[in-house]
Amino acid sequence: MFKKLTKFNLQRTTRQAYGFYIFYVLLGFLLATLVGMIFAKNTDFAVSAVTIVVVIYATIIYAVIVFQKKLLSFRKTTVSFAYILFGAITAYLTYSAGLIFSFIIVSYLSTIADNSAASIEKKI
């Protein structure tokens, strides 16, 4: 369940996606807590800083998965546009609802097959 969490191009099973979700949401909460503790003197600034850091965190994890799985391509522009749109939705959900809801999209994305040339050659 918690194996190979740093291999972002891995096609995960549903159980592995749950482990991925739990690990990276807890890591995001830890990151948010550390940023909040650093800026704890000014509450308004701390809330803004935590929000910005968490949105950037979720977007970076999403982008790393998309780029390592090579899901964006110039030949399939509608599919690429869908992944870009899902990235924007992930950032917006992180901003408005928090990591718990936005990482549902990210963990689902980890279950999609890798489109890189090396993985396609292995299938053939």
C-alpha atoms as a PDB file:
ATOM      1  CA  MET A   1       0.000   0.000   0.000  1.00  0.00           C
ATOM      2  CA  PHE A   2       2.800   2.423   0.864  1.00  0.00           C
ATOM      3  CA  LYS A   3       5.436   1.055  -1.525  1.00  0.00           C
ATOM      4  CA  LYS A   4       7.142   3.176  -4.183  1.00  0.00           C
ATOM      5  CA  LEU A   5       5.465   6.428  -3.152  1.00  0.00           C
ATOM      6  CA  THR A   6       8.084   8.541  -4.893  1.00  0.00           C
ATOM      7  CA  LYS A   7       7.721   6.807  -8.268  1.00  0.00           C
ATOM      8  CA  PHE A   8       5.245   9.147  -9.882  1.00  0.00           C
ATOM      9  CA  ASN A   9       5.109   7.369 -13.253  1.00  0.00           C
ATOM     10  CA  LEU A  10       3.932   4.110 -11.679  1.00  0.00           C
ATOM     11  CA  GLN A  11       0.420   2.943 -12.540  1.00  0.00           C
ATOM     12  CA  ARG A  12      -1.084   2.294  -9.125  1.00  0.00           C
ATOM     13  CA  THR A  13      -3.843  -0.051  -8.079  1.00  0.00           C
ATOM     14  CA  THR A  14      -6.777   1.307  -6.096  1.00  0.00           C
ATOM     15  CA  ARG A  15      -5.209   0.215  -2.823  1.00  0.00           C
ATOM     16  CA  GLN A  16      -1.879   1.831  -3.725  1.00  0.00           C
ATOM     17  CA  ALA A  17      -3.739   5.025  -4.698  1.00  0.00           C
ATOM     18  CA  TYR A  18      -5.283   5.138  -1.210  1.00  0.00           C
ATOM     19  CA  GLY A  19      -1.821   4.844   0.317  1.00  0.00           C
ATOM     20  CA  PHE A  20      -0.517   7.539  -2.043  1.00  0.00           C
ATOM     21  CA  TYR A  21      -3.431   9.779  -1.043  1.00  0.00           C
ATOM     22  CA  ILE A  22      -2.919   9.273   2.693  1.00  0.00           C
ATOM     23  CA  PHE A  23       0.850   9.817   2.542  1.00  0.00           C
ATOM     24  CA  TYR A  24       0.819  12.976   0.432  1.00  0.00           C
ATOM     25  CA  VAL A  25      -2.127  14.558   2.252  1.00  0.00           C
ATOM     26  CA  LEU A  26      -0.364  13.998   5.584  1.00  0.00           C
ATOM     27  CA  LEU A  27       2.863  15.368   4.092  1.00  0.00           C
ATOM     28  CA  GLY A  28       0.921  18.430   2.910  1.00  0.00           C
ATOM     29  CA  PHE A  29      -0.553  18.910   6.384  1.00  0.00           C
ATOM     30  CA  LEU A  30       2.940  18.680   7.860  1.00  0.00           C
ATOM     31  CA  LEU A  31       4.191  21.269   5.380  1.00  0.00           C
ATOM     32  CA  ALA A  32       1.237  23.548   6.180  1.00  0.00           C
ATOM     33  CA  THR A  33       1.878  23.178   9.899  1.00  0.00           C
ATOM     34  CA  LEU A  34       5.544  24.088   9.514  1.00  0.00           C
ATOM     35  CA  VAL A  35       4.737  27.172   7.426  1.00  0.00           C
ATOM     36  CA  GLY A  36       2.040  28.175   9.925  1.00  0.00           C
ATOM     37  CA  MET A  37       4.482  27.859  12.810  1.00  0.00           C
ATOM     38  CA  ILE A  38       7.067  29.976  11.007  1.00  0.00           C
ATOM     39  CA  PHE A  39       4.616  32.815  10.413  1.00  0.00           C
ATOM     40  CA  ALA A  40       2.603  32.375  13.643  1.00  0.00           C
ATOM     41  CA  LYS A  41       3.137  35.937  14.902  1.00  0.00           C
ATOM     42  CA  ASN A  42       0.920  37.462  12.224  1.00  0.00           C
ATOM     43  CA  THR A  43      -2.213  35.318  11.922  1.00  0.00           C
ATOM     44  CA  ASP A  44      -3.548  36.836   8.701  1.00  0.00           C
ATOM     45  CA  PHE A  45      -0.219  36.463   6.949  1.00  0.00           C
ATOM     46  CA  ALA A  46       0.188  32.921   8.279  1.00  0.00           C
ATOM     47  CA  VAL A  47      -3.154  31.855   6.819  1.00  0.00           C
ATOM     48  CA  SER A  48      -2.283  33.413   3.462  1.00  0.00           C
ATOM     49  CA  ALA A  49       1.187  31.849   3.443  1.00  0.00           C
ATOM     50  CA  VAL A  50      -0.186  28.405   4.315  1.00  0.00           C
ATOM     51  CA  THR A  51      -2.797  28.676   1.569  1.00  0.00           C
ATOM     52  CA  ILE A  52      -0.233  29.685  -1.039  1.00  0.00           C
ATOM     53  CA  VAL A  53       2.244  26.968  -0.035  1.00  0.00           C
ATOM     54  CA  VAL A  54      -0.415  24.237  -0.033  1.00  0.00           C
ATOM     55  CA  VAL A  55      -1.759  25.277  -3.453  1.00  0.00           C
ATOM     56  CA  ILE A  56       1.767  25.245  -4.871  1.00  0.00           C
ATOM     57  CA  TYR A  57       2.433  21.846  -3.220  1.00  0.00           C
ATOM     58  CA  ALA A  58      -0.663  20.199  -4.713  1.00  0.00           C
ATOM     59  CA  THR A  59      -0.043  21.725  -8.136  1.00  0.00           C
ATOM     60  CA  ILE A  60       3.580  20.571  -8.167  1.00  0.00           C
ATOM     61  CA  ILE A  61       2.649  16.992  -7.245  1.00  0.00           C
ATOM     62  CA  TYR A  62      -0.019  17.041  -9.974  1.00  0.00           C
ATOM     63  CA  ALA A  63       2.424  18.427 -12.553  1.00  0.00           C
ATOM     64  CA  VAL A  64       5.136  15.919 -11.653  1.00  0.00           C
ATOM     65  CA  ILE A  65       2.720  13.038 -12.212  1.00  0.00           C
ATOM     66  CA  VAL A  66       1.495  14.461 -15.536  1.00  0.00           C
ATOM     67  CA  PHE A  67       4.993  15.114 -16.860  1.00  0.00           C
ATOM     68  CA  GLN A  68       6.547  11.851 -15.672  1.00  0.00           C
ATOM     69  CA  LYS A  69       3.715   9.844 -17.179  1.00  0.00           C
ATOM     70  CA  LYS A  70       3.983  11.954 -20.360  1.00  0.00           C
ATOM     71  CA  LEU A  71       0.238  12.541 -20.478  1.00  0.00           C
ATOM     72  CA  LEU A  72       0.531  15.808 -22.403  1.00  0.00           C
ATOM     73  CA  SER A  73       1.055  15.557 -26.142  1.00  0.00           C
ATOM     74  CA  PHE A  74       0.727  17.844 -29.140  1.00  0.00           C
ATOM     75  CA  ARG A  75      -1.049  15.167 -31.169  1.00  0.00           C
ATOM     76  CA  LYS A  76      -3.950  14.787 -28.760  1.00  0.00           C
ATOM     77  CA  THR A  77      -4.757  18.389 -27.924  1.00  0.00           C
ATOM     78  CA  THR A  78      -8.175  17.669 -26.409  1.00  0.00           C
ATOM     79  CA  VAL A  79      -6.694  15.121 -23.993  1.00  0.00           C
ATOM     80  CA  SER A  80      -3.877  17.514 -23.108  1.00  0.00           C
ATOM     81  CA  PHE A  81      -6.393  20.289 -22.541  1.00  0.00           C
ATOM     82  CA  ALA A  82      -8.335  17.997 -20.197  1.00  0.00           C
ATOM     83  CA  TYR A  83      -5.217  17.361 -18.092  1.00  0.00           C
ATOM     84  CA  ILE A  84      -4.453  21.084 -17.976  1.00  0.00           C
ATOM     85  CA  LEU A  85      -8.056  21.737 -16.933  1.00  0.00           C
ATOM     86  CA  PHE A  86      -7.819  19.070 -14.210  1.00  0.00           C
ATOM     87  CA  GLY A  87      -4.640  20.784 -12.982  1.00  0.00           C
ATOM     88  CA  ALA A  88      -6.488  24.086 -12.712  1.00  0.00           C
ATOM     89  CA  ILE A  89      -9.358  22.344 -10.906  1.00  0.00           C
ATOM     90  CA  THR A  90      -6.845  20.779  -8.522  1.00  0.00           C
ATOM     91  CA  ALA A  91      -5.344  24.181  -7.721  1.00  0.00           C
ATOM     92  CA  TYR A  92      -8.789  25.719  -7.250  1.00  0.00           C
ATOM     93  CA  LEU A  93      -9.992  22.860  -5.024  1.00  0.00           C
ATOM     94  CA  THR A  94      -6.868  23.185  -2.926  1.00  0.00           C
ATOM     95  CA  TYR A  95      -7.503  26.902  -2.530  1.00  0.00           C
ATOM     96  CA  SER A  96     -11.208  26.654  -1.779  1.00  0.00           C
ATOM     97  CA  ALA A  97     -11.692  23.256  -0.109  1.00  0.00           C
ATOM     98  CA  GLY A  98      -8.243  22.085   0.971  1.00  0.00           C
ATOM     99  CA  LEU A  99      -5.868  19.226   0.333  1.00  0.00           C
ATOM    100  CA  ILE A 100      -8.343  16.523   1.273  1.00  0.00           C
ATOM    101  CA  PHE A 101     -10.524  17.157  -1.771  1.00  0.00           C
ATOM    102  CA  SER A 102      -7.888  18.178  -4.295  1.00  0.00           C
ATOM    103  CA  PHE A 103      -5.735  15.104  -3.727  1.00  0.00           C
ATOM    104  CA  ILE A 104      -8.619  12.894  -4.806  1.00  0.00           C
ATOM    105  CA  ILE A 105      -7.889  14.066  -8.362  1.00  0.00           C
ATOM    106  CA  VAL A 106      -4.146  13.644  -7.886  1.00  0.00           C
ATOM    107  CA  SER A 107      -4.456  10.122  -6.483  1.00  0.00           C
ATOM    108  CA  TYR A 108      -6.835   9.150  -9.284  1.00  0.00           C
ATOM    109  CA  LEU A 109      -4.292  10.462 -11.780  1.00  0.00           C
ATOM    110  CA  SER A 110      -1.723   8.111 -10.274  1.00  0.00           C
ATOM    111  CA  THR A 111      -3.866   5.143 -11.397  1.00  0.00           C
ATOM    112  CA  ILE A 112      -3.668   6.119 -15.088  1.00  0.00           C
ATOM    113  CA  ALA A 113      -1.230   4.222 -17.313  1.00  0.00           C
ATOM    114  CA  ASP A 114       2.139   5.685 -18.256  1.00  0.00           C
ATOM    115  CA  ASN A 115       2.311   6.983 -21.854  1.00  0.00           C
ATOM    116  CA  SER A 116       6.086   7.191 -22.164  1.00  0.00           C
ATOM    117  CA  ALA A 117       7.813   5.368 -25.022  1.00  0.00           C
ATOM    118  CA  ALA A 118       9.587   2.945 -22.664  1.00  0.00           C
ATOM    119  CA  SER A 119       6.341   1.740 -21.105  1.00  0.00           C
ATOM    120  CA  ILE A 120       4.650   1.382 -24.482  1.00  0.00           C
ATOM    121  CA  GLU A 121       7.560  -0.759 -25.754  1.00  0.00           C
ATOM    122  CA  LYS A 122       7.241  -3.001 -22.663  1.00  0.00           C
ATOM    123  CA  LYS A 123       3.572  -3.603 -23.468  1.00  0.00           C
ATOM    124  CA  ILE A 124       4.384  -4.665 -27.054  1.00  0.00           C
END
